Amino acid sequence: MEIYKVLSALLEYPNQQLFDDLPDIKELLDAMSDADVAEKAEMKKFVAWLEGAEQTTIQADYVRTFDMTPEHSLHLTHHFFGDDNDRNRGPALIDLGELYKDYGLELSTNELPDYLPLMLEFAATMDPQEATVFLSDANKVLNVLTDNLSKAGSPYAPLVSIVASRATMTRLAA
């Protein structure tokens, strides 16, 4: 699903590659068939924000937002278990890594398997219903993360909100 691939890219650390890919991302957003009008509008607004600021400013904001503020962590098991409870978090990370392997996904990153952009990359390989079921396990955390980012006035909040709105089993019933 293209929407998860785009969201993954937009939620990754904003390196030079992301900025180089912005024209392609804009074209992809225009052609995307698996996102509704409101989702596309939020992603386009975010891309415009990226284009309108200095890369180093956006990078500093990203680090401040996701790396320096535990309540905004993109490592979702952190929200379930925190850093202090490695005894429970470790098995959850192992299970998620094993799920990726079961689907034939070999992790070629230094990120933990619960890193939201990595989870979105994985969801992008699934059919829509399967991706919804996969992401629905994290729905509660995604909603908390959205709220935390919204309270902080973060431009990343709408992106996480899109994921949260898609990560609900009621979406399958619609």
C-alpha atoms as a PDB file:
ATOM      1  CA  MET A   1       0.000   0.000   0.000  1.00  0.00           C
ATOM      2  CA  GLU A   2       1.532   3.256  -1.154  1.00  0.00           C
ATOM      3  CA  ILE A   3       0.175   5.309   1.742  1.00  0.00           C
ATOM      4  CA  TYR A   4       2.198   3.343   4.292  1.00  0.00           C
ATOM      5  CA  LYS A   5       5.347   3.647   2.199  1.00  0.00           C
ATOM      6  CA  VAL A   6       4.915   7.437   2.001  1.00  0.00           C
ATOM      7  CA  LEU A   7       4.092   7.759   5.704  1.00  0.00           C
ATOM      8  CA  SER A   8       7.139   5.668   6.536  1.00  0.00           C
ATOM      9  CA  ALA A   9       9.374   7.976   4.496  1.00  0.00           C
ATOM     10  CA  LEU A  10       7.874  11.111   6.053  1.00  0.00           C
ATOM     11  CA  LEU A  11       8.278   9.769   9.595  1.00  0.00           C
ATOM     12  CA  GLU A  12      11.928   8.761   9.102  1.00  0.00           C
ATOM     13  CA  TYR A  13      14.771  11.038  10.095  1.00  0.00           C
ATOM     14  CA  PRO A  14      14.754  13.870   7.521  1.00  0.00           C
ATOM     15  CA  ASN A  15      18.059  13.161   5.800  1.00  0.00           C
ATOM     16  CA  GLN A  16      19.187  14.494   2.426  1.00  0.00           C
ATOM     17  CA  GLN A  17      17.575  11.542   0.646  1.00  0.00           C
ATOM     18  CA  LEU A  18      14.129  12.565   1.923  1.00  0.00           C
ATOM     19  CA  PHE A  19      14.602  16.112   0.670  1.00  0.00           C
ATOM     20  CA  ASP A  20      15.834  14.810  -2.685  1.00  0.00           C
ATOM     21  CA  ASP A  21      12.750  12.558  -2.895  1.00  0.00           C
ATOM     22  CA  LEU A  22      10.182  15.293  -2.144  1.00  0.00           C
ATOM     23  CA  PRO A  23       9.281  15.924  -5.822  1.00  0.00           C
ATOM     24  CA  ASP A  24       8.660  12.186  -6.294  1.00  0.00           C
ATOM     25  CA  ILE A  25       6.650  12.026  -3.056  1.00  0.00           C
ATOM     26  CA  LYS A  26       4.471  14.916  -4.257  1.00  0.00           C
ATOM     27  CA  GLU A  27       3.823  13.114  -7.557  1.00  0.00           C
ATOM     28  CA  LEU A  28       3.038   9.918  -5.694  1.00  0.00           C
ATOM     29  CA  LEU A  29       0.588  11.749  -3.439  1.00  0.00           C
ATOM     30  CA  ASP A  30      -1.219  13.171  -6.468  1.00  0.00           C
ATOM     31  CA  ALA A  31      -1.529   9.719  -8.036  1.00  0.00           C
ATOM     32  CA  MET A  32      -2.169   7.751  -4.852  1.00  0.00           C
ATOM     33  CA  SER A  33      -5.374   5.739  -4.910  1.00  0.00           C
ATOM     34  CA  ASP A  34      -5.258   4.212  -1.417  1.00  0.00           C
ATOM     35  CA  ALA A  35      -5.552   7.499   0.517  1.00  0.00           C
ATOM     36  CA  ASP A  36      -8.617   9.655   0.937  1.00  0.00           C
ATOM     37  CA  VAL A  37      -8.729  13.398   0.217  1.00  0.00           C
ATOM     38  CA  ALA A  38      -8.171  14.430   3.844  1.00  0.00           C
ATOM     39  CA  GLU A  39      -5.188  12.095   4.248  1.00  0.00           C
ATOM     40  CA  LYS A  40      -3.608  13.399   1.051  1.00  0.00           C
ATOM     41  CA  ALA A  41      -4.190  16.988   2.173  1.00  0.00           C
ATOM     42  CA  GLU A  42      -2.429  16.379   5.511  1.00  0.00           C
ATOM     43  CA  MET A  43       0.530  14.688   3.831  1.00  0.00           C
ATOM     44  CA  LYS A  44       0.797  17.489   1.231  1.00  0.00           C
ATOM     45  CA  LYS A  45       0.699  20.070   4.034  1.00  0.00           C
ATOM     46  CA  PHE A  46       3.535  18.209   5.762  1.00  0.00           C
ATOM     47  CA  VAL A  47       5.587  18.069   2.546  1.00  0.00           C
ATOM     48  CA  ALA A  48       5.057  21.811   2.098  1.00  0.00           C
ATOM     49  CA  TRP A  49       6.353  22.318   5.657  1.00  0.00           C
ATOM     50  CA  LEU A  50       9.454  20.280   4.794  1.00  0.00           C
ATOM     51  CA  GLU A  51       9.999  22.334   1.642  1.00  0.00           C
ATOM     52  CA  GLY A  52       9.532  25.631   3.485  1.00  0.00           C
ATOM     53  CA  ALA A  53      12.167  25.211   6.173  1.00  0.00           C
ATOM     54  CA  GLU A  54      15.889  24.698   6.398  1.00  0.00           C
ATOM     55  CA  GLN A  55      16.920  21.058   6.447  1.00  0.00           C
ATOM     56  CA  THR A  56      19.002  21.518   9.600  1.00  0.00           C
ATOM     57  CA  THR A  57      16.070  23.162  11.385  1.00  0.00           C
ATOM     58  CA  ILE A  58      13.811  20.241  10.500  1.00  0.00           C
ATOM     59  CA  GLN A  59      16.467  17.756  11.572  1.00  0.00           C
ATOM     60  CA  ALA A  60      16.889  19.508  14.924  1.00  0.00           C
ATOM     61  CA  ASP A  61      13.104  19.518  15.388  1.00  0.00           C
ATOM     62  CA  TYR A  62      12.957  15.808  14.574  1.00  0.00           C
ATOM     63  CA  VAL A  63      15.643  14.958  17.142  1.00  0.00           C
ATOM     64  CA  ARG A  64      13.985  17.178  19.777  1.00  0.00           C
ATOM     65  CA  THR A  65      10.593  15.650  19.047  1.00  0.00           C
ATOM     66  CA  PHE A  66      11.353  11.947  18.765  1.00  0.00           C
ATOM     67  CA  ASP A  67      14.751  11.341  20.332  1.00  0.00           C
ATOM     68  CA  MET A  68      14.689  13.735  23.277  1.00  0.00           C
ATOM     69  CA  THR A  69      11.049  13.350  24.330  1.00  0.00           C
ATOM     70  CA  PRO A  70      10.157   9.827  25.489  1.00  0.00           C
ATOM     71  CA  GLU A  71       6.411  10.538  25.170  1.00  0.00           C
ATOM     72  CA  HIS A  72       6.967  10.995  21.426  1.00  0.00           C
ATOM     73  CA  SER A  73       9.074   7.908  20.802  1.00  0.00           C
ATOM     74  CA  LEU A  74       8.531   6.185  17.466  1.00  0.00           C
ATOM     75  CA  HIS A  75       9.563   2.915  19.159  1.00  0.00           C
ATOM     76  CA  LEU A  76       6.066   1.764  20.016  1.00  0.00           C
ATOM     77  CA  THR A  77       6.906  -0.849  22.654  1.00  0.00           C
ATOM     78  CA  HIS A  78       8.471   1.963  24.678  1.00  0.00           C
ATOM     79  CA  HIS A  79       4.926   3.234  25.245  1.00  0.00           C
ATOM     80  CA  PHE A  80       3.781  -0.218  26.394  1.00  0.00           C
ATOM     81  CA  PHE A  81       6.716  -1.131  28.591  1.00  0.00           C
ATOM     82  CA  GLY A  82       9.003   1.894  28.968  1.00  0.00           C
ATOM     83  CA  ASP A  83      12.767   1.622  29.036  1.00  0.00           C
ATOM     84  CA  ASP A  84      12.866   0.187  32.545  1.00  0.00           C
ATOM     85  CA  ASN A  85      10.948  -2.979  31.767  1.00  0.00           C
ATOM     86  CA  ASP A  86      13.291  -4.737  29.336  1.00  0.00           C
ATOM     87  CA  ARG A  87      12.127  -8.094  30.666  1.00  0.00           C
ATOM     88  CA  ASN A  88       8.768  -7.636  28.915  1.00  0.00           C
ATOM     89  CA  ARG A  89       9.859  -5.378  26.081  1.00  0.00           C
ATOM     90  CA  GLY A  90      12.557  -7.755  24.838  1.00  0.00           C
ATOM     91  CA  PRO A  91      10.202 -10.660  24.094  1.00  0.00           C
ATOM     92  CA  ALA A  92       7.774  -8.281  22.348  1.00  0.00           C
ATOM     93  CA  LEU A  93      10.590  -7.046  20.109  1.00  0.00           C
ATOM     94  CA  ILE A  94      11.695 -10.608  19.395  1.00  0.00           C
ATOM     95  CA  ASP A  95       8.132 -11.630  18.489  1.00  0.00           C
ATOM     96  CA  LEU A  96       7.804  -8.693  16.108  1.00  0.00           C
ATOM     97  CA  GLY A  97      11.163  -9.492  14.512  1.00  0.00           C
ATOM     98  CA  GLU A  98      10.078 -13.113  14.074  1.00  0.00           C
ATOM     99  CA  LEU A  99       6.846 -11.977  12.430  1.00  0.00           C
ATOM    100  CA  TYR A 100       8.880  -9.983   9.915  1.00  0.00           C
ATOM    101  CA  LYS A 101      11.015 -13.056   9.207  1.00  0.00           C
ATOM    102  CA  ASP A 102       7.896 -15.220   8.777  1.00  0.00           C
ATOM    103  CA  TYR A 103       6.840 -12.848   6.007  1.00  0.00           C
ATOM    104  CA  GLY A 104      10.283 -12.982   4.435  1.00  0.00           C
ATOM    105  CA  LEU A 105      11.348  -9.496   5.517  1.00  0.00           C
ATOM    106  CA  GLU A 106      14.997  -9.341   6.476  1.00  0.00           C
ATOM    107  CA  LEU A 107      15.784  -6.282   8.564  1.00  0.00           C
ATOM    108  CA  SER A 108      18.574  -4.309   6.952  1.00  0.00           C
ATOM    109  CA  THR A 109      18.439  -1.473   9.433  1.00  0.00           C
ATOM    110  CA  ASN A 110      19.828  -0.792  12.868  1.00  0.00           C
ATOM    111  CA  GLU A 111      16.362   0.108  14.103  1.00  0.00           C
ATOM    112  CA  LEU A 112      14.405  -2.036  16.505  1.00  0.00           C
ATOM    113  CA  PRO A 113      11.437  -3.872  14.946  1.00  0.00           C
ATOM    114  CA  ASP A 114       8.927  -1.645  16.783  1.00  0.00           C
ATOM    115  CA  TYR A 115      10.145   1.540  15.042  1.00  0.00           C
ATOM    116  CA  LEU A 116       7.009   2.996  13.456  1.00  0.00           C
ATOM    117  CA  PRO A 117       8.534   3.788  10.018  1.00  0.00           C
ATOM    118  CA  LEU A 118       9.808   0.193   9.831  1.00  0.00           C
ATOM    119  CA  MET A 119       6.390  -1.142  10.835  1.00  0.00           C
ATOM    120  CA  LEU A 120       4.832   1.006   8.095  1.00  0.00           C
ATOM    121  CA  GLU A 121       7.310  -0.360   5.536  1.00  0.00           C
ATOM    122  CA  PHE A 122       6.185  -3.834   6.562  1.00  0.00           C
ATOM    123  CA  ALA A 123       2.492  -2.879   6.399  1.00  0.00           C
ATOM    124  CA  ALA A 124       3.097  -1.527   2.885  1.00  0.00           C
ATOM    125  CA  THR A 125       3.878  -5.082   1.740  1.00  0.00           C
ATOM    126  CA  MET A 126       0.514  -6.403   2.952  1.00  0.00           C
ATOM    127  CA  ASP A 127      -2.955  -6.257   1.505  1.00  0.00           C
ATOM    128  CA  PRO A 128      -5.128  -3.524   3.086  1.00  0.00           C
ATOM    129  CA  GLN A 129      -7.050  -5.796   5.486  1.00  0.00           C
ATOM    130  CA  GLU A 130      -3.900  -7.567   6.659  1.00  0.00           C
ATOM    131  CA  ALA A 131      -2.152  -4.224   7.235  1.00  0.00           C
ATOM    132  CA  THR A 132      -5.113  -2.993   9.276  1.00  0.00           C
ATOM    133  CA  VAL A 133      -5.041  -6.098  11.461  1.00  0.00           C
ATOM    134  CA  PHE A 134      -1.258  -5.797  11.919  1.00  0.00           C
ATOM    135  CA  LEU A 135      -1.375  -2.114  12.864  1.00  0.00           C
ATOM    136  CA  SER A 136      -4.489  -2.482  15.034  1.00  0.00           C
ATOM    137  CA  ASP A 137      -2.363  -4.102  17.751  1.00  0.00           C
ATOM    138  CA  ALA A 138      -0.709  -0.708  18.197  1.00  0.00           C
ATOM    139  CA  ASN A 139      -3.864   1.414  17.888  1.00  0.00           C
ATOM    140  CA  LYS A 140      -3.984   2.492  21.526  1.00  0.00           C
ATOM    141  CA  VAL A 141      -0.310   3.540  21.466  1.00  0.00           C
ATOM    142  CA  LEU A 142      -0.779   5.332  18.136  1.00  0.00           C
ATOM    143  CA  ASN A 143      -3.658   7.338  19.612  1.00  0.00           C
ATOM    144  CA  VAL A 144      -1.600   8.262  22.690  1.00  0.00           C
ATOM    145  CA  LEU A 145       1.332   9.224  20.463  1.00  0.00           C
ATOM    146  CA  THR A 146      -0.968  11.349  18.289  1.00  0.00           C
ATOM    147  CA  ASP A 147      -2.320  13.118  21.384  1.00  0.00           C
ATOM    148  CA  ASN A 148       1.175  13.734  22.763  1.00  0.00           C
ATOM    149  CA  LEU A 149       2.401  15.126  19.447  1.00  0.00           C
ATOM    150  CA  SER A 150      -0.743  17.259  19.055  1.00  0.00           C
ATOM    151  CA  LYS A 151      -0.323  18.759  22.533  1.00  0.00           C
ATOM    152  CA  ALA A 152       3.258  19.649  21.609  1.00  0.00           C
ATOM    153  CA  GLY A 153       2.074  21.309  18.384  1.00  0.00           C
ATOM    154  CA  SER A 154       4.189  18.928  16.309  1.00  0.00           C
ATOM    155  CA  PRO A 155       3.716  18.872  12.525  1.00  0.00           C
ATOM    156  CA  TYR A 156       4.189  15.084  12.779  1.00  0.00           C
ATOM    157  CA  ALA A 157       0.903  14.630  14.711  1.00  0.00           C
ATOM    158  CA  PRO A 158      -1.340  14.475  11.598  1.00  0.00           C
ATOM    159  CA  LEU A 159       0.867  11.778  10.058  1.00  0.00           C
ATOM    160  CA  VAL A 160       0.616   9.555  13.130  1.00  0.00           C
ATOM    161  CA  SER A 161      -3.106  10.335  13.291  1.00  0.00           C
ATOM    162  CA  ILE A 162      -3.521   8.941   9.761  1.00  0.00           C
ATOM    163  CA  VAL A 163      -1.847   5.709  10.846  1.00  0.00           C
ATOM    164  CA  ALA A 164      -3.989   5.544  14.000  1.00  0.00           C
ATOM    165  CA  SER A 165      -7.200   6.061  12.029  1.00  0.00           C
ATOM    166  CA  ARG A 166      -6.251   3.204   9.704  1.00  0.00           C
ATOM    167  CA  ALA A 167      -5.201   0.931  12.575  1.00  0.00           C
ATOM    168  CA  THR A 168      -8.640   0.094  13.830  1.00  0.00           C
ATOM    169  CA  MET A 169     -10.654  -3.048  13.332  1.00  0.00           C
ATOM    170  CA  THR A 170     -13.806  -0.976  12.771  1.00  0.00           C
ATOM    171  CA  ARG A 171     -12.194   0.134   9.519  1.00  0.00           C
ATOM    172  CA  LEU A 172     -12.522  -3.456   8.275  1.00  0.00           C
ATOM    173  CA  ALA A 173     -16.243  -3.441   8.992  1.00  0.00           C
ATOM    174  CA  ALA A 174     -16.818  -0.296   6.931  1.00  0.00           C
END
